[in-house]
Every structure is written in structure tokens, then in C-alpha cells.
Amino acid sequence: MTFFTALLFNISYATLLKEEKSLTFMIKFTFIDTVQKLEVAAKQWRKEKVLAIDLECENNLHHYGSYLALIQISSKTEHWIIDLLALKEVDPLVKILQNPKIQKVFHDVGFDFRILHHQLKCRPKNIFDTQVAALLLGRTELGLGSLLEHYLELKKESKFQMADWTKRPLTKEMLEYAIKDTKYLIRIRDLLIQDLKKKNRVAWAEEEFKYIQNKNVVYKEGGYKDITGYKSMEPHQRAILKRLFIQREKLAKKVDRPVHFILATKKIVSFAIKPPKNLLEWRKMRQVHPVVRNYAKIFFDEVQKGKKESIKIIIPKKKHYTPAQKEKLKQLADLREKIGTKLHLPKHLILSKEQMHHITIDGNLDSLRSWQKKLVEN
């Protein structure tokens, strides 16, 4: 909305600025819930050099499983919200995300990349991650809200942070909240690039972005083997844990609720070690979803079966470093501490523990990116 448009609506420019600074500014966007609308939008996106991208997902918060609900896209002047639950075919969108000629700006691509690959079999090309750029600048507060306040003096709302994005219809207020995460992202990118240039770290960022987009991404939800305490259990306790875990998964899917709503993981662990004594205890159980009491007989039977089974595991022995390797690790730790302090960068960014291990064992710097090598070698 321009100043003159504001006058037509009898809104003072000062009020306009105040609204934008609190992120309550009304945003015009196109809502896409049909393939036809998606194809029209894709024609426009193909003309752009840069697009800001954000996702709203269900991630075992209100329902069973993790999946995309919305994708927000902004150019420098226009905004779109795509309803992934309404669309079965999103090939035009996937082609845009994988088009190397269009830069896609994300904030913290980690989970976004995994869910996009898991649900759409998509690996975005030519990315810019504003969180990574901020990290390379030595910023300690890396959230989008922090960047908005620092660069644009805007305050990010958190009203719908825990919202159920699978509900339909979505309110206009929720949709406006969603699009605000991409509306300012390109402006943030431009300002981050300016700061990266001042510190001669643009090449660092470009290398990190290429590393991220080429890195193998796998979406994986934790299994029963990943539960804390699994390895220290007795063989029959592991068997009980496995059976309870699988049964919880089945019921969570059946009633469309997050698994922790059905039966907390801590309870599963405690029941694997010390199971309820009888069927009545299962039927009168508190602090669980009602479906657990309804299926008490099945849970009781699974425990009895698990008691007769055994899951044995071999815990690999930790590899010990030689005295020379320990000294090398100490030297690397001291070096990254020195470089990090000098450049105001977190030490794990200079050298990760995994990279330090490879340098120590392999005796070379092949695991490092070019910018890291230059820092370490100088």
C-alpha cells in the first residue's frame, strides 16, 4: 500500500509505519487451491530471479505424522499461499523449486528440505538460507524474529506458532500470519548480503549453500531403537518396548493423534521395565488417551508376548585415540577456539567434531570446505 493509497483510506502515514513495524500490516496475497491457479502462478514465478519460501507443516503436534499443509511464496512485490492439502498434483511447484535459475530464499532449511524430499520428492536448487548467512556473520540470535527486529525493526508475531494448519477453512488472520514469514525474507537476504560483503564472506555463504543443497537429506521419525535407555535394557524389556511402541503407532494412526497423545514415551519405557500387573490396571490407566483403555487387552497381550521374547544387541566398543591423535585433537580444538574468537564465529562452524575426527584419522583436510581450509591453513 503506497502513501497515496493510504490517504485515500484516511490512514496517516505514521499509522501505516506503526502497523508495519508490529507486522499487523494487511498483505494482499493469492490463495492457490486448484491446479489451474497453480499453473497461472508458476508462469509468474518463472519470470522471477528470486523467491522467498516458507512452509507450514503438521509435525506430530495435533495429528498423526508429519506432512506439508501450506507453502508460502513471495517475490519482491507479490505473495502466494499454496494449499497442499487441496492439491494432489504440484509438479509446477516442484519444477520451480528445482529450477537453478531462480534463487529460493529460506530461513533454516534443515527440516524444510527433509519434508520437501519426503513428501514431494523435491530437492530445491540455488538456495539462500538467511539463518546460515546470519551464522556466518557471527550473529548469536538466529531466529527469523531476531533478524526482522535487527534489520527492519519489525516485531514477529507468535500468535499462530502452534496453530493447527490442517484445519479448513483457514482464517484470513492465519493466512496473513503465514505470508508474513516470506514477505520480508528477500529484503532480509539483501541486507545480509551487504553485511557479508563487508566481511568478505559472500563466498563462504555460497559454498555453504551448495553444500546444504547437495547434502543427502532423509526424513526419519524416531523408532523404538532410538529411545533413550533402550541399549541398557534387558533383552526381554527391549522386546516389550518394541511391541508397545508398535501398538502405540497403530492406534495413533487409527485415531489421528500424535503418538505422545496416546501414550507418553516415558510410560512406554517404564512399562517395558515394570509392566502393569494385570488387565485391570490397563483398563483403569490414567494420563493416557482413552483408546489405550479401550484396547487394554491388546496392550496386555503384547506385554505377555514380549516377556517371552528377547532382543539382543551388540554395543560397539568406543574407538580410543592414540596419544598422538589425542594431541592432534587438542591442537585442532585450540586452533578453532582461536579462530572463532578472532572472527566472532561459533567454534563448531570453524571445525565440527566430525571434521576434527576425520583430520585426526585421515591426516588431511579433505572433509573441509574451501573457506574452512583457508582459515585453518593461514
Protein backbone atom coordinates (compact mmCIF):
# COMPACT_ATOMS: atom_id res chain seq x y z
CA MET A 1 0.00 0.00 0.00
CA THR A 2 1.54 3.34 -1.04
CA PHE A 3 1.33 6.62 0.86
CA PHE A 4 -1.25 7.99 -1.56
CA THR A 5 -3.36 4.85 -1.27
CA ALA A 6 -3.24 5.27 2.49
CA LEU A 7 -4.54 8.81 2.15
CA LEU A 8 -7.48 7.58 0.12
CA PHE A 9 -8.39 5.32 3.02
CA ASN A 10 -7.88 8.15 5.50
CA ILE A 11 -4.93 6.41 7.14
CA SER A 12 -2.00 8.51 8.32
CA TYR A 13 1.47 7.53 7.10
CA ALA A 14 2.66 7.37 10.71
CA THR A 15 -0.04 4.81 11.49
CA LEU A 16 0.99 2.87 8.40
CA LEU A 17 4.58 2.65 9.57
CA LYS A 18 3.49 1.69 13.09
CA GLU A 19 1.34 -1.15 11.74
CA GLU A 20 4.15 -2.47 9.57
CA LYS A 21 6.61 -2.40 12.47
CA SER A 22 4.29 -4.59 14.51
CA LEU A 23 3.69 -6.86 11.48
CA THR A 24 -0.07 -6.23 11.57
CA PHE A 25 0.11 -4.73 8.08
CA MET A 26 -2.56 -6.08 5.72
CA ILE A 27 -0.96 -8.17 2.99
CA LYS A 28 -2.53 -8.92 -0.35
CA PHE A 29 -1.86 -12.48 -1.46
CA THR A 30 -3.15 -15.08 -3.91
CA PHE A 31 -4.53 -18.27 -2.37
CA ILE A 32 -3.87 -21.34 -4.54
CA ASP A 33 -6.08 -24.38 -4.07
CA THR A 34 -6.50 -25.64 -7.65
CA VAL A 35 -4.09 -26.90 -10.30
CA GLN A 36 -5.27 -24.14 -12.63
CA LYS A 37 -4.35 -21.42 -10.13
CA LEU A 38 -1.00 -23.13 -9.51
CA GLU A 39 -0.17 -23.18 -13.22
CA VAL A 40 -1.03 -19.48 -13.56
CA ALA A 41 1.20 -18.64 -10.58
CA ALA A 42 4.04 -20.82 -11.90
CA LYS A 43 4.12 -18.74 -15.10
CA GLN A 44 4.76 -15.68 -12.96
CA TRP A 45 7.36 -17.43 -10.78
CA ARG A 46 9.36 -18.45 -13.87
CA LYS A 47 9.92 -14.75 -14.59
CA GLU A 48 11.46 -14.10 -11.18
CA LYS A 49 15.14 -14.21 -10.26
CA VAL A 50 14.47 -14.77 -6.56
CA LEU A 51 11.58 -16.16 -4.50
CA ALA A 52 11.14 -16.43 -0.74
CA ILE A 53 9.82 -19.78 0.50
CA ASP A 54 8.34 -20.93 3.81
CA LEU A 55 6.37 -23.99 4.89
CA GLU A 56 3.63 -24.67 7.40
CA CYS A 57 3.57 -28.31 8.41
CA GLU A 58 1.82 -30.74 10.68
CA ASN A 59 4.65 -32.29 12.63
CA ASN A 60 3.06 -34.67 15.15
CA LEU A 61 1.65 -31.70 17.04
CA HIS A 62 -2.11 -32.05 16.52
CA HIS A 63 -2.38 -35.14 14.29
CA TYR A 64 -0.55 -38.34 13.47
CA GLY A 65 2.52 -37.96 11.26
CA SER A 66 4.39 -35.13 9.56
CA TYR A 67 3.27 -33.57 6.30
CA LEU A 68 3.01 -30.29 4.44
CA ALA A 69 -0.06 -28.12 4.88
CA LEU A 70 0.90 -24.83 3.23
CA ILE A 71 3.73 -23.39 1.19
CA GLN A 72 4.13 -19.62 1.17
CA ILE A 73 5.95 -17.90 -1.70
CA SER A 74 6.86 -14.25 -2.11
CA SER A 75 8.57 -12.33 -4.89
CA LYS A 76 9.74 -8.78 -4.26
CA THR A 77 6.24 -7.48 -5.00
CA GLU A 78 3.72 -10.35 -4.89
CA HIS A 79 2.71 -13.12 -2.49
CA TRP A 80 1.10 -16.56 -2.79
CA ILE A 81 -0.11 -19.27 -0.39
CA ILE A 82 -0.44 -22.82 -1.72
CA ASP A 83 -2.84 -25.23 -0.02
CA LEU A 84 -1.00 -28.55 -0.19
CA LEU A 85 -3.94 -30.40 1.35
CA ALA A 86 -6.21 -29.32 -1.52
CA LEU A 87 -3.75 -30.14 -4.31
CA LYS A 88 -2.89 -33.65 -5.41
CA GLU A 89 -0.64 -32.53 -8.27
CA VAL A 90 2.06 -29.93 -7.60
CA ASP A 91 4.51 -30.60 -10.43
CA PRO A 92 4.63 -26.90 -11.49
CA LEU A 93 5.73 -26.01 -7.95
CA VAL A 94 8.37 -28.75 -7.82
CA LYS A 95 9.84 -27.53 -11.13
CA ILE A 96 10.13 -24.02 -9.71
CA LEU A 97 11.85 -25.24 -6.55
CA GLN A 98 14.30 -27.28 -8.63
CA ASN A 99 14.94 -24.53 -11.19
CA PRO A 100 18.61 -23.49 -10.72
CA LYS A 101 17.99 -20.12 -12.44
CA ILE A 102 15.70 -18.93 -9.62
CA GLN A 103 17.17 -18.39 -6.18
CA LYS A 104 14.99 -19.67 -3.33
CA VAL A 105 15.35 -17.88 0.00
CA PHE A 106 14.59 -19.97 3.10
CA HIS A 107 15.13 -19.38 6.79
CA ASP A 108 16.62 -22.54 8.35
CA VAL A 109 16.24 -25.08 5.55
CA GLY A 110 17.03 -28.16 7.66
CA PHE A 111 13.54 -29.51 8.32
CA ASP A 112 12.12 -27.86 5.18
CA PHE A 113 14.49 -29.85 2.96
CA ARG A 114 13.68 -33.13 4.70
CA ILE A 115 9.89 -32.71 4.50
CA LEU A 116 10.03 -31.48 0.87
CA HIS A 117 12.09 -34.50 -0.10
CA HIS A 118 9.89 -36.85 1.91
CA GLN A 119 6.55 -35.61 0.61
CA LEU A 120 7.27 -34.08 -2.81
CA LYS A 121 10.48 -35.95 -3.73
CA CYS A 122 11.91 -32.48 -4.26
CA ARG A 123 15.42 -31.10 -3.73
CA PRO A 124 15.44 -27.30 -4.14
CA LYS A 125 18.29 -25.84 -6.20
CA ASN A 126 20.01 -22.47 -5.84
CA ILE A 127 19.16 -21.65 -2.24
CA PHE A 128 19.93 -18.86 0.20
CA ASP A 129 19.46 -19.67 3.88
CA THR A 130 19.13 -16.48 5.93
CA GLN A 131 19.92 -18.35 9.15
CA VAL A 132 23.19 -19.72 7.74
CA ALA A 133 24.11 -16.26 6.45
CA ALA A 134 23.45 -14.79 9.92
CA LEU A 135 25.57 -17.55 11.48
CA LEU A 136 28.48 -16.74 9.14
CA LEU A 137 28.22 -13.11 10.22
CA GLY A 138 28.74 -14.17 13.83
CA ARG A 139 25.21 -13.42 14.99
CA THR A 140 24.16 -15.35 18.07
CA GLU A 141 20.41 -14.73 17.78
CA LEU A 142 19.46 -16.59 14.62
CA GLY A 143 15.66 -16.75 14.63
CA LEU A 144 13.68 -15.02 11.89
CA GLY A 145 12.11 -12.77 14.51
CA SER A 146 15.57 -11.63 15.63
CA LEU A 147 16.62 -10.83 12.04
CA LEU A 148 13.40 -8.91 11.41
CA GLU A 149 13.98 -6.80 14.50
CA HIS A 150 17.67 -6.25 13.76
CA TYR A 151 17.40 -5.34 10.09
CA LEU A 152 13.88 -3.94 9.66
CA GLU A 153 12.80 -3.04 13.20
CA LEU A 154 9.79 -5.32 12.79
CA LYS A 155 8.36 -7.48 15.55
CA LYS A 156 7.38 -11.01 14.56
CA GLU A 157 4.10 -12.32 15.92
CA SER A 158 3.92 -15.74 17.58
CA LYS A 159 0.12 -15.95 17.82
CA PHE A 160 -0.23 -18.92 15.47
CA GLN A 161 3.12 -20.58 16.11
CA MET A 162 1.39 -23.70 17.46
CA ALA A 163 -1.66 -23.49 15.20
CA ASP A 164 -3.24 -26.50 13.51
CA TRP A 165 -2.56 -25.72 9.83
CA THR A 166 -4.61 -28.72 8.69
CA LYS A 167 -7.89 -27.05 9.65
CA ARG A 168 -10.06 -25.89 6.78
CA PRO A 169 -11.11 -23.27 6.11
CA LEU A 170 -8.16 -21.30 7.44
CA THR A 171 -8.99 -17.87 8.77
CA LYS A 172 -7.77 -14.78 6.94
CA GLU A 173 -5.83 -13.88 10.07
CA MET A 174 -3.96 -17.21 9.98
CA LEU A 175 -3.16 -16.83 6.29
CA GLU A 176 -1.86 -13.29 6.80
CA TYR A 177 0.31 -14.57 9.66
CA ALA A 178 1.70 -17.29 7.39
CA ILE A 179 2.61 -15.00 4.49
CA LYS A 180 4.49 -12.59 6.77
CA ASP A 181 7.28 -15.17 7.06
CA THR A 182 8.11 -14.70 3.37
CA LYS A 183 7.03 -11.09 2.79
CA TYR A 184 10.25 -9.64 4.22
CA LEU A 185 12.63 -12.54 3.53
CA ILE A 186 14.10 -11.16 0.29
CA ARG A 187 14.74 -7.80 1.96
CA ILE A 188 16.48 -9.62 4.80
CA ARG A 189 18.57 -11.54 2.24
CA ASP A 190 19.68 -8.30 0.56
CA LEU A 191 20.76 -6.77 3.87
CA LEU A 192 22.58 -9.96 4.90
CA ILE A 193 24.48 -9.94 1.59
CA GLN A 194 25.56 -6.35 2.26
CA ASP A 195 26.98 -7.39 5.64
CA LEU A 196 28.62 -10.50 4.16
CA LYS A 197 30.35 -8.30 1.57
CA LYS A 198 31.67 -6.00 4.29
CA LYS A 199 33.30 -9.02 5.98
CA ASN A 200 34.39 -10.67 2.69
CA ARG A 201 32.30 -13.74 3.49
CA VAL A 202 29.94 -13.93 0.49
CA ALA A 203 31.99 -16.82 -0.95
CA TRP A 204 31.69 -18.61 2.40
CA ALA A 205 27.91 -18.37 2.27
CA GLU A 206 27.72 -19.50 -1.36
CA GLU A 207 29.83 -22.56 -0.56
CA GLU A 208 27.70 -23.41 2.47
CA PHE A 209 24.50 -23.14 0.43
CA LYS A 210 25.89 -25.51 -2.23
CA TYR A 211 26.96 -27.92 0.50
CA ILE A 212 23.48 -27.87 2.03
CA GLN A 213 21.61 -28.39 -1.24
CA ASN A 214 23.87 -31.28 -2.28
CA LYS A 215 23.85 -32.97 1.11
CA ASN A 216 21.85 -36.17 1.44
CA VAL A 217 18.58 -35.45 3.23
CA VAL A 218 16.50 -38.15 4.83
CA TYR A 219 13.27 -37.64 6.73
CA LYS A 220 13.18 -40.12 9.58
CA GLU A 221 10.97 -40.29 12.64
CA GLY A 222 12.50 -41.85 15.72
CA GLY A 223 12.00 -45.58 16.15
CA TYR A 224 11.95 -47.72 19.27
CA LYS A 225 15.73 -48.26 18.97
CA ASP A 226 16.24 -44.50 19.29
CA ILE A 227 14.51 -44.25 22.67
CA THR A 228 16.82 -43.22 25.50
CA GLY A 229 17.59 -46.22 27.69
CA TYR A 230 16.91 -48.85 25.01
CA LYS A 231 20.51 -50.08 24.89
CA SER A 232 20.76 -50.50 28.66
CA MET A 233 17.59 -52.62 28.94
CA GLU A 234 17.40 -56.35 29.41
CA PRO A 235 16.69 -58.34 26.21
CA HIS A 236 13.08 -59.14 27.18
CA GLN A 237 12.48 -55.48 28.16
CA ARG A 238 13.57 -54.39 24.69
CA ALA A 239 11.07 -56.85 23.22
CA ILE A 240 8.25 -55.42 25.35
CA LEU A 241 9.29 -51.87 24.43
CA LYS A 242 9.19 -52.74 20.73
CA ARG A 243 5.71 -54.26 20.95
CA LEU A 244 4.29 -51.33 22.94
CA PHE A 245 5.90 -48.85 20.56
CA ILE A 246 4.38 -50.53 17.50
CA GLN A 247 0.94 -50.79 19.11
CA ARG A 248 1.05 -47.10 20.06
CA GLU A 249 1.92 -46.25 16.45
CA LYS A 250 -1.05 -48.24 15.11
CA LEU A 251 -3.54 -46.61 17.46
CA ALA A 252 -2.15 -43.10 16.89
CA LYS A 253 -2.70 -43.56 13.18
CA LYS A 254 -6.16 -45.02 13.76
CA VAL A 255 -7.42 -42.07 15.83
CA ASP A 256 -5.26 -39.48 14.01
CA ARG A 257 -3.49 -38.19 17.07
CA PRO A 258 0.23 -37.63 17.80
CA VAL A 259 1.84 -40.70 19.34
CA HIS A 260 2.66 -38.87 22.57
CA PHE A 261 -1.06 -38.11 22.96
CA ILE A 262 -1.72 -41.84 23.05
CA LEU A 263 0.95 -42.98 25.45
CA ALA A 264 3.97 -40.95 26.56
CA THR A 265 7.36 -42.42 25.66
CA LYS A 266 8.39 -42.28 29.33
CA LYS A 267 5.41 -44.51 30.16
CA ILE A 268 6.37 -46.99 27.46
CA VAL A 269 9.89 -47.20 28.90
CA SER A 270 8.59 -47.64 32.44
CA PHE A 271 6.08 -50.30 31.30
CA ALA A 272 8.84 -52.18 29.47
CA ILE A 273 10.84 -52.34 32.71
CA LYS A 274 7.92 -52.78 35.10
CA PRO A 275 4.69 -53.63 33.21
CA PRO A 276 1.18 -53.18 34.69
CA LYS A 277 0.41 -56.32 36.67
CA ASN A 278 -2.89 -57.26 35.08
CA LEU A 279 -5.57 -56.32 32.54
CA LEU A 280 -7.49 -54.28 35.12
CA GLU A 281 -4.54 -51.91 35.56
CA TRP A 282 -4.52 -51.26 31.81
CA ARG A 283 -8.27 -50.62 31.83
CA LYS A 284 -8.02 -48.13 34.70
CA MET A 285 -4.87 -46.40 33.50
CA ARG A 286 -4.68 -42.62 33.93
CA GLN A 287 -2.91 -39.93 31.90
CA VAL A 288 -3.30 -41.79 28.63
CA HIS A 289 -5.60 -41.42 25.63
CA PRO A 290 -8.94 -43.25 26.12
CA VAL A 291 -8.05 -45.54 23.22
CA VAL A 292 -5.39 -47.17 25.42
CA ARG A 293 -8.04 -48.21 27.95
CA ASN A 294 -10.33 -49.33 25.10
CA TYR A 295 -7.55 -51.54 23.72
CA ALA A 296 -6.30 -52.63 27.14
CA LYS A 297 -6.48 -56.34 26.23
CA ILE A 298 -4.21 -55.85 23.23
CA PHE A 299 -1.63 -53.90 25.24
CA PHE A 300 -1.73 -56.54 28.00
CA ASP A 301 -1.27 -59.35 25.48
CA GLU A 302 1.63 -57.54 23.77
CA VAL A 303 3.43 -57.30 27.11
CA GLN A 304 2.95 -61.04 27.75
CA LYS A 305 4.35 -61.88 24.31
CA GLY A 306 7.30 -59.54 24.85
CA LYS A 307 8.19 -61.23 28.14
CA LYS A 308 8.82 -64.47 26.23
CA GLU A 309 10.97 -62.78 23.56
CA SER A 310 14.49 -61.50 23.55
CA ILE A 311 16.17 -58.71 21.59
CA LYS A 312 19.92 -58.88 21.99
CA ILE A 313 22.15 -56.11 20.73
CA ILE A 314 25.89 -55.71 20.31
CA ILE A 315 27.10 -52.39 21.60
CA PRO A 316 30.24 -51.46 19.65
CA LYS A 317 33.25 -50.56 21.70
CA LYS A 318 34.33 -46.98 21.57
CA LYS A 319 37.43 -46.44 19.46
CA HIS A 320 40.18 -44.90 21.51
CA TYR A 321 42.59 -42.37 20.09
CA THR A 322 46.33 -42.89 20.35
CA PRO A 323 48.33 -40.37 22.43
CA ALA A 324 49.45 -38.70 19.19
CA GLN A 325 45.87 -38.46 17.92
CA LYS A 326 44.69 -37.04 21.23
CA GLU A 327 47.36 -34.35 20.95
CA LYS A 328 46.26 -33.62 17.39
CA LEU A 329 42.63 -33.24 18.53
CA LYS A 330 43.73 -30.84 21.26
CA GLN A 331 45.66 -28.76 18.74
CA LEU A 332 42.63 -28.61 16.45
CA ALA A 333 40.36 -27.65 19.35
CA ASP A 334 42.75 -24.86 20.36
CA LEU A 335 43.00 -23.68 16.76
CA ARG A 336 39.26 -23.46 16.18
CA GLU A 337 38.85 -21.68 19.52
CA LYS A 338 41.48 -19.11 18.49
CA ILE A 339 39.96 -18.55 15.03
CA GLY A 340 36.42 -18.41 16.41
CA THR A 341 37.37 -15.80 19.00
CA LYS A 342 39.22 -13.69 16.43
CA LEU A 343 36.39 -13.76 13.87
CA HIS A 344 33.50 -13.83 16.37
CA LEU A 345 32.26 -17.13 14.95
CA PRO A 346 30.98 -20.22 16.80
CA LYS A 347 33.74 -22.81 17.02
CA HIS A 348 31.64 -25.62 15.50
CA LEU A 349 31.37 -23.54 12.33
CA ILE A 350 35.17 -23.38 12.00
CA LEU A 351 35.56 -27.12 12.53
CA SER A 352 32.88 -29.59 13.53
CA LYS A 353 33.73 -32.51 15.81
CA GLU A 354 33.22 -34.85 12.87
CA GLN A 355 35.65 -32.85 10.74
CA MET A 356 38.20 -32.82 13.57
CA HIS A 357 37.88 -36.59 13.79
CA HIS A 358 38.48 -37.02 10.03
CA ILE A 359 41.51 -34.72 10.09
CA THR A 360 42.96 -36.67 13.01
CA ILE A 361 42.37 -40.11 11.49
CA ASP A 362 42.93 -39.37 7.79
CA GLY A 363 45.70 -36.82 8.19
CA ASN A 364 44.28 -34.41 5.59
CA LEU A 365 41.77 -31.56 5.22
CA ASP A 366 39.54 -33.20 2.58
CA SER A 367 36.48 -33.02 4.86
CA LEU A 368 36.63 -29.21 5.00
CA ARG A 369 35.01 -26.68 2.71
CA SER A 370 37.36 -24.28 0.87
CA TRP A 371 36.73 -21.35 3.20
CA GLN A 372 37.37 -23.53 6.24
CA LYS A 373 40.65 -24.79 4.77
CA LYS A 374 41.88 -21.23 4.20
CA LEU A 375 41.13 -20.31 7.81
CA VAL A 376 42.83 -23.40 9.20
CA GLU A 377 45.87 -23.21 6.93
CA ASN A 378 46.57 -19.47 7.49
